[in-house]
Amino acid sequence: MRVLVIGASGVIGTRLVPQLRQRGHEVTGTSRTPGKAGRLRALAAEPLMLDAPDARAVREAVAAARPDAIIYQSTALAGLSDFRHFDASFAATSRLRTEGTDIMLAAAREAAVARIVAQSYACHRYARQGGPVKTEDDPLDPTPPAAARQAFAALTHIDEAVTGAGRIALRYGSFYGDPGDGWPNLMRTRKVPVVGDGGGVWSHIHLHDAAAATVPALDHGGPASVIEPHTSMSTINSRSFRCVGVC
């Protein structure tokens, strides 16, 4: 297929593009800055400058790429370290998950793109009931923490907008595995707080595994397969959003 990866220069995108190429797909990858075009070419993707909240630019990019599928991985998480002011830290990403998602879906409709896979997120979003391992059928928290309400609402938007259009939203765990990954340093410097009695679970997934779990979703014109922990695949399920990693 011809696949347009929006956000291809990010930590997931740069692992996703080679795996798509290995499966024989032609890839056009977008970045917000021209300096990343060379890296995308080195990954055998056709680079394209794109600002995801620019509706006209997105329509033109989708029309020019003529994709059979779009993978939406657009975020603004580089250098993120302030989790006390959650909504403020995630404001740019929340815009990409709301306004950017709507723009992408509209452009896809105009170009009759049948397959769309979008990045969502699982951690911290579920109601505080039942066991520590959640499934797609577990309810989300109806009253998220005040400092994260806007960010959680943006995630709900991308879930509902993408699945409402009959497409696939993947709920990932928190990413790790980048050479510049800040998690070890944040833990060493005690910048990751212990909440309550410290008995909570924070699910993570390696970036390579997240990309490996995303590629097979393109094989399904409708709902994706359930993603088990790591990259093992289960049978096709009737739901349209999936947990990737331990949710």
Protein backbone atom coordinates (compact mmCIF):
# COMPACT_ATOMS: atom_id res chain seq x y z
CA MET A 1 0.00 0.00 0.00
CA ARG A 2 0.91 3.65 -0.23
CA VAL A 3 1.05 4.77 3.40
CA LEU A 4 1.16 8.36 4.64
CA VAL A 5 2.69 8.55 8.11
CA ILE A 6 1.85 11.90 9.71
CA GLY A 7 4.48 12.43 12.38
CA ALA A 8 7.02 10.11 10.77
CA SER A 9 10.02 11.93 12.23
CA GLY A 10 8.98 11.22 15.82
CA VAL A 11 10.17 8.40 18.06
CA ILE A 12 7.43 6.03 16.89
CA GLY A 13 7.51 7.17 13.28
CA THR A 14 11.23 6.56 12.81
CA ARG A 15 10.74 2.98 13.97
CA LEU A 16 7.50 2.55 12.09
CA VAL A 17 8.78 3.61 8.65
CA PRO A 18 11.44 0.85 8.33
CA GLN A 19 8.95 -1.79 9.41
CA LEU A 20 6.42 -0.56 6.86
CA ARG A 21 9.10 -0.67 4.17
CA GLN A 22 10.04 -4.20 5.18
CA ARG A 23 6.42 -5.20 4.57
CA GLY A 24 6.64 -3.76 1.05
CA HIS A 25 4.65 -0.57 1.63
CA GLU A 26 5.54 2.73 -0.07
CA VAL A 27 5.85 5.39 2.61
CA THR A 28 5.49 9.16 2.60
CA GLY A 29 6.51 10.57 5.96
CA THR A 30 5.82 14.03 7.34
CA SER A 31 7.79 16.27 9.67
CA ARG A 32 7.27 19.81 10.90
CA THR A 33 10.86 20.91 10.23
CA PRO A 34 12.94 20.65 7.02
CA GLY A 35 15.97 19.44 8.96
CA LYS A 36 14.42 16.00 9.40
CA ALA A 37 13.89 15.33 5.68
CA GLY A 38 17.29 13.69 5.32
CA ARG A 39 16.57 11.27 8.14
CA LEU A 40 13.29 10.25 6.51
CA ARG A 41 15.02 9.71 3.17
CA ALA A 42 17.58 7.52 4.92
CA LEU A 43 14.68 5.42 6.17
CA ALA A 44 13.46 5.05 2.55
CA ALA A 45 10.45 7.33 3.03
CA GLU A 46 9.49 10.22 0.77
CA PRO A 47 9.74 13.26 3.08
CA LEU A 48 7.03 15.89 3.26
CA MET A 49 6.90 19.07 5.33
CA LEU A 50 3.57 19.36 7.13
CA ASP A 51 2.03 21.19 10.05
CA ALA A 52 -0.81 18.91 11.15
CA PRO A 53 -3.15 21.70 12.36
CA ASP A 54 -2.94 23.43 8.94
CA ALA A 55 -6.13 22.21 7.23
CA ARG A 56 -5.21 23.38 3.74
CA ALA A 57 -1.71 21.89 3.94
CA VAL A 58 -3.08 18.55 5.16
CA ARG A 59 -5.65 18.37 2.37
CA GLU A 60 -2.96 19.14 -0.21
CA ALA A 61 -0.55 16.61 1.34
CA VAL A 62 -3.12 13.82 1.34
CA ALA A 63 -4.16 14.61 -2.22
CA ALA A 64 -0.53 14.65 -3.39
CA ALA A 65 0.46 11.44 -1.58
CA ARG A 66 -2.62 9.52 -2.81
CA PRO A 67 -2.34 7.13 0.14
CA ASP A 68 -4.20 3.89 0.58
CA ALA A 69 -3.73 4.34 4.33
CA ILE A 70 -2.86 7.05 6.84
CA ILE A 71 -1.09 6.43 10.15
CA TYR A 72 -1.52 9.43 12.43
CA GLN A 73 1.32 9.68 14.96
CA SER A 74 1.50 13.43 15.36
CA THR A 75 2.47 14.59 18.89
CA ALA A 76 4.61 17.28 20.50
CA LEU A 77 6.17 15.38 23.38
CA ALA A 78 9.89 16.03 22.89
CA GLY A 79 11.56 17.16 26.10
CA LEU A 80 8.44 16.68 28.20
CA SER A 81 9.28 16.54 31.90
CA ASP A 82 6.72 18.59 33.86
CA PHE A 83 3.97 16.25 35.02
CA ARG A 84 2.74 18.54 37.76
CA HIS A 85 1.20 20.91 35.20
CA PHE A 86 -0.11 18.13 32.99
CA ASP A 87 -2.56 20.04 30.81
CA ALA A 88 -0.11 22.86 30.18
CA SER A 89 2.68 20.42 29.27
CA PHE A 90 0.43 18.47 26.89
CA ALA A 91 -1.36 21.49 25.38
CA ALA A 92 0.35 21.26 21.96
CA THR A 93 -0.21 17.50 21.79
CA SER A 94 -3.84 17.90 22.86
CA ARG A 95 -4.35 20.29 19.95
CA LEU A 96 -2.89 17.70 17.58
CA ARG A 97 -5.22 15.07 19.06
CA THR A 98 -8.32 17.24 18.64
CA GLU A 99 -8.00 19.82 15.88
CA GLY A 100 -5.31 17.84 14.07
CA THR A 101 -7.34 14.63 14.15
CA ASP A 102 -10.43 16.33 12.75
CA ILE A 103 -8.41 17.93 9.95
CA MET A 104 -6.79 14.59 9.07
CA LEU A 105 -10.13 12.76 9.02
CA ALA A 106 -11.71 15.43 6.80
CA ALA A 107 -8.80 15.24 4.36
CA ALA A 108 -9.03 11.44 4.36
CA ARG A 109 -12.75 11.59 3.55
CA GLU A 110 -12.12 13.96 0.64
CA ALA A 111 -9.45 11.63 -0.74
CA ALA A 112 -11.47 8.45 -0.03
CA VAL A 113 -8.72 6.95 2.15
CA ALA A 114 -10.17 3.73 3.50
CA ARG A 115 -7.61 2.83 6.19
CA ILE A 116 -6.61 5.04 9.12
CA VAL A 117 -4.68 4.09 12.25
CA ALA A 118 -4.24 6.76 14.94
CA GLN A 119 -2.20 7.00 18.13
CA SER A 120 -4.10 7.12 21.42
CA TYR A 121 -3.01 6.35 24.98
CA ALA A 122 -4.12 3.99 27.74
CA CYS A 123 -2.30 4.78 30.98
CA HIS A 124 -4.06 6.52 33.88
CA ARG A 125 -7.34 6.82 32.00
CA TYR A 126 -9.33 3.96 33.47
CA ALA A 127 -11.81 4.11 36.34
CA ARG A 128 -10.23 3.15 39.64
CA GLN A 129 -12.13 -0.09 40.05
CA GLY A 130 -11.53 -3.75 39.37
CA GLY A 131 -8.10 -5.27 38.88
CA PRO A 132 -4.86 -3.63 37.74
CA VAL A 133 -4.95 -5.09 34.20
CA LYS A 134 -7.53 -3.33 32.03
CA THR A 135 -9.25 -4.37 28.81
CA GLU A 136 -11.16 -2.41 26.19
CA ASP A 137 -14.37 -3.16 28.06
CA ASP A 138 -13.23 -1.50 31.30
CA PRO A 139 -14.74 1.96 31.79
CA LEU A 140 -12.70 5.14 31.63
CA ASP A 141 -12.47 7.42 34.65
CA PRO A 142 -15.48 9.78 34.51
CA THR A 143 -13.73 12.29 36.79
CA PRO A 144 -10.06 12.51 35.78
CA PRO A 145 -7.65 14.61 37.89
CA ALA A 146 -8.28 18.34 37.53
CA ALA A 147 -4.76 18.98 36.22
CA ALA A 148 -5.21 16.47 33.39
CA ARG A 149 -8.81 16.98 32.29
CA GLN A 150 -7.98 18.74 29.03
CA ALA A 151 -5.38 16.14 28.05
CA PHE A 152 -7.74 13.26 28.88
CA ALA A 153 -10.56 14.95 26.96
CA ALA A 154 -8.25 15.20 23.93
CA LEU A 155 -7.56 11.48 24.13
CA THR A 156 -11.26 10.73 24.36
CA HIS A 157 -11.77 12.94 21.31
CA ILE A 158 -9.26 11.05 19.19
CA ASP A 159 -10.74 7.71 20.33
CA GLU A 160 -14.29 8.72 19.48
CA ALA A 161 -13.55 10.68 16.30
CA VAL A 162 -11.42 7.96 14.74
CA THR A 163 -13.55 4.99 15.76
CA GLY A 164 -16.71 6.94 14.97
CA ALA A 165 -15.40 7.21 11.41
CA GLY A 166 -15.01 3.42 11.38
CA ARG A 167 -11.22 3.57 11.68
CA ILE A 168 -8.69 2.31 14.26
CA ALA A 169 -7.33 4.04 17.37
CA LEU A 170 -4.49 2.28 19.20
CA ARG A 171 -4.15 2.94 22.92
CA TYR A 172 -0.44 2.65 23.64
CA GLY A 173 1.30 2.35 26.97
CA SER A 174 3.95 4.93 27.89
CA PHE A 175 6.93 4.77 25.57
CA TYR A 176 10.50 3.94 26.50
CA GLY A 177 13.60 2.91 24.56
CA ASP A 178 14.77 6.14 22.92
CA PRO A 179 18.52 6.83 23.32
CA GLY A 180 17.58 10.20 24.79
CA ASP A 181 14.85 8.73 26.95
CA GLY A 182 14.40 10.91 30.00
CA TRP A 183 12.68 8.33 32.20
CA PRO A 184 15.82 6.96 33.90
CA ASN A 185 17.03 10.47 34.67
CA LEU A 186 13.63 11.56 35.93
CA MET A 187 13.57 8.59 38.30
CA ARG A 188 17.15 9.13 39.49
CA THR A 189 16.44 12.78 40.24
CA ARG A 190 13.15 11.92 41.98
CA LYS A 191 10.98 13.83 39.51
CA VAL A 192 8.49 10.99 39.09
CA PRO A 193 6.20 11.19 42.13
CA VAL A 194 5.00 8.23 44.14
CA VAL A 195 1.21 8.50 44.21
CA GLY A 196 -0.70 7.33 47.26
CA ASP A 197 0.83 4.23 48.80
CA GLY A 198 2.93 3.50 45.70
CA GLY A 199 0.83 0.49 44.73
CA GLY A 200 -0.27 1.78 41.35
CA VAL A 201 0.82 0.37 37.99
CA TRP A 202 2.23 2.47 35.14
CA SER A 203 2.30 0.50 31.90
CA HIS A 204 5.15 1.00 29.43
CA ILE A 205 5.90 -0.35 25.97
CA HIS A 206 9.18 -0.26 24.07
CA LEU A 207 9.10 1.99 21.02
CA HIS A 208 10.10 -0.85 18.69
CA ASP A 209 7.31 -3.05 20.04
CA ALA A 210 4.77 -0.24 19.64
CA ALA A 211 5.75 0.19 15.99
CA ALA A 212 5.68 -3.59 15.44
CA ALA A 213 2.15 -3.73 16.86
CA THR A 214 0.99 -0.85 14.68
CA VAL A 215 2.01 -2.24 11.29
CA PRO A 216 -0.42 -5.23 11.31
CA ALA A 217 -3.35 -2.89 11.97
CA LEU A 218 -3.10 -1.79 8.34
CA ASP A 219 -4.10 -5.28 7.26
CA HIS A 220 -7.60 -4.71 8.59
CA GLY A 221 -10.02 -2.50 6.74
CA GLY A 222 -12.20 -2.39 9.85
CA PRO A 223 -11.43 -2.90 13.54
CA ALA A 224 -7.92 -3.96 14.46
CA SER A 225 -6.79 -7.11 16.15
CA VAL A 226 -6.44 -7.05 19.90
CA ILE A 227 -2.85 -6.25 20.86
CA GLU A 228 -1.54 -8.32 23.73
CA PRO A 229 1.45 -7.24 25.87
CA HIS A 230 4.62 -6.84 23.82
CA THR A 231 3.78 -7.63 20.16
CA SER A 232 1.80 -10.86 20.12
CA MET A 233 -1.45 -10.69 18.20
CA SER A 234 -4.80 -12.20 19.08
CA THR A 235 -7.92 -12.77 17.01
CA ILE A 236 -9.98 -10.04 15.38
CA ASN A 237 -12.22 -8.30 17.87
CA SER A 238 -15.32 -6.24 17.18
CA ARG A 239 -14.06 -3.12 18.90
CA SER A 240 -12.23 -0.33 17.02
CA PHE A 241 -9.75 0.85 19.64
CA ARG A 242 -6.97 -1.32 20.94
CA CYS A 243 -4.62 -1.45 23.89
CA VAL A 244 -0.98 -1.73 22.85
CA GLY A 245 1.23 -2.96 25.66
CA VAL A 246 -0.12 -3.72 29.11
CA CYS A 247 -3.17 -1.52 29.58
